[in-house]
Amino acid sequence: MRVQEDARRCGEQRILLAQGGRIEIEKNESRKIASVQCLTRDGGRYPDFNLELFRKLRRKKAVASTDGGPYRITRRGFQLIRAEFDNR
C-alpha cells in the first residue's frame, strides 16, 4: 500500500515539475471531460497521466485553466512540490 502511495505522489510531483507544460482536455457532447493528456514544453507526453490524476491535481488546486486555455500549474502547485535534491 505504501509503495502505491509513493508512486502516485512521485507521479504528481513529476506533473507539477513540468514547468512550462500544459494539460489539455477533450470534452464529449455533454461537455464532460472525456480524456486528458499532459504535454511538456518540448511537446512530449506523460504516458501515465490519466483522468484520475488530473482530478486529484485539480481538487488540490495545483492546476487551473484561465480563459478556456489549457490547464497549467498554479502557485499552490509550486508550494506542493516538496524540496528534494533531485528537483533541479
Protein backbone atom coordinates (compact mmCIF):
# COMPACT_ATOMS: atom_id res chain seq x y z
CA MET A 1 0.00 0.00 0.00
CA ARG A 2 2.78 2.42 0.91
CA VAL A 3 4.60 1.73 -2.38
CA GLN A 4 1.48 2.64 -4.41
CA GLU A 5 1.10 5.85 -2.42
CA ASP A 6 4.72 6.81 -3.09
CA ALA A 7 4.34 6.04 -6.78
CA ARG A 8 1.25 8.25 -7.01
CA ARG A 9 3.00 11.05 -5.15
CA CYS A 10 6.00 10.73 -7.46
CA GLY A 11 3.70 10.91 -10.49
CA GLU A 12 2.02 14.03 -9.16
CA GLN A 13 5.36 15.61 -8.47
CA ARG A 14 6.57 14.89 -11.99
CA ILE A 15 3.48 16.52 -13.44
CA LEU A 16 3.86 19.56 -11.19
CA LEU A 17 7.52 19.84 -12.13
CA ALA A 18 6.61 20.11 -15.80
CA GLN A 19 7.20 23.83 -15.75
CA GLY A 20 6.06 25.30 -18.99
CA GLY A 21 3.99 22.20 -19.64
CA ARG A 22 0.24 22.04 -20.02
CA ILE A 23 -2.67 19.69 -19.57
CA GLU A 24 -5.06 19.52 -22.49
CA ILE A 25 -8.55 18.12 -22.13
CA GLU A 26 -11.11 16.80 -24.59
CA LYS A 27 -14.81 17.03 -23.80
CA ASN A 28 -17.66 14.89 -25.07
CA GLU A 29 -21.06 16.04 -26.41
CA SER A 30 -22.43 16.58 -22.91
CA ARG A 31 -19.49 18.93 -22.13
CA LYS A 32 -17.91 16.50 -19.64
CA ILE A 33 -14.20 15.70 -19.69
CA ALA A 34 -13.63 12.62 -21.83
CA SER A 35 -9.82 12.46 -21.89
CA VAL A 36 -6.76 14.34 -20.71
CA GLN A 37 -3.13 14.44 -21.73
CA CYS A 38 -0.16 16.19 -20.19
CA LEU A 39 2.30 17.78 -22.61
CA THR A 40 5.73 19.08 -21.68
CA ARG A 41 7.04 22.35 -23.04
CA ASP A 42 9.07 20.29 -25.54
CA GLY A 43 5.93 18.58 -26.86
CA GLY A 44 6.48 15.23 -25.13
CA ARG A 45 3.63 13.35 -23.44
CA TYR A 46 3.49 11.81 -19.98
CA PRO A 47 2.25 8.27 -20.60
CA ASP A 48 1.00 7.61 -17.03
CA PHE A 49 -1.18 10.71 -16.83
CA ASN A 50 -4.87 9.85 -16.55
CA LEU A 51 -8.22 11.38 -15.65
CA GLU A 52 -7.96 10.27 -12.01
CA LEU A 53 -4.62 12.05 -11.52
CA PHE A 54 -5.94 15.16 -13.29
CA ARG A 55 -8.96 15.31 -10.98
CA LYS A 56 -6.71 14.87 -7.95
CA LEU A 57 -4.46 17.75 -9.04
CA ARG A 58 -7.47 19.93 -9.74
CA ARG A 59 -9.02 19.08 -6.37
CA LYS A 60 -5.79 20.17 -4.66
CA LYS A 61 -5.89 23.39 -6.74
CA ALA A 62 -2.45 22.54 -8.11
CA VAL A 63 -3.53 23.18 -11.72
CA ALA A 64 -6.02 25.63 -13.19
CA SER A 65 -7.26 26.86 -16.54
CA THR A 66 -7.63 30.54 -17.39
CA ASP A 67 -9.84 31.94 -20.15
CA GLY A 68 -10.63 28.47 -21.52
CA GLY A 69 -6.97 27.69 -22.18
CA PRO A 70 -5.00 24.59 -21.21
CA TYR A 71 -4.50 23.75 -17.54
CA ARG A 72 -1.22 24.95 -16.07
CA ILE A 73 0.45 24.76 -12.68
CA THR A 74 -0.68 27.32 -10.09
CA ARG A 75 1.15 28.99 -7.22
CA ARG A 76 -0.42 26.40 -4.96
CA GLY A 77 1.05 23.70 -7.21
CA PHE A 78 4.53 25.13 -6.76
CA GLN A 79 4.01 25.11 -2.99
CA LEU A 80 3.03 21.45 -3.09
CA ILE A 81 6.31 20.43 -4.69
CA ARG A 82 8.48 19.02 -1.96
CA ALA A 83 12.06 20.24 -1.79
CA GLU A 84 14.27 17.36 -2.82
CA PHE A 85 17.84 17.13 -4.01
CA ASP A 86 16.91 15.85 -7.47
CA ASN A 87 14.29 18.56 -8.19
CA ARG A 88 16.62 20.77 -10.16
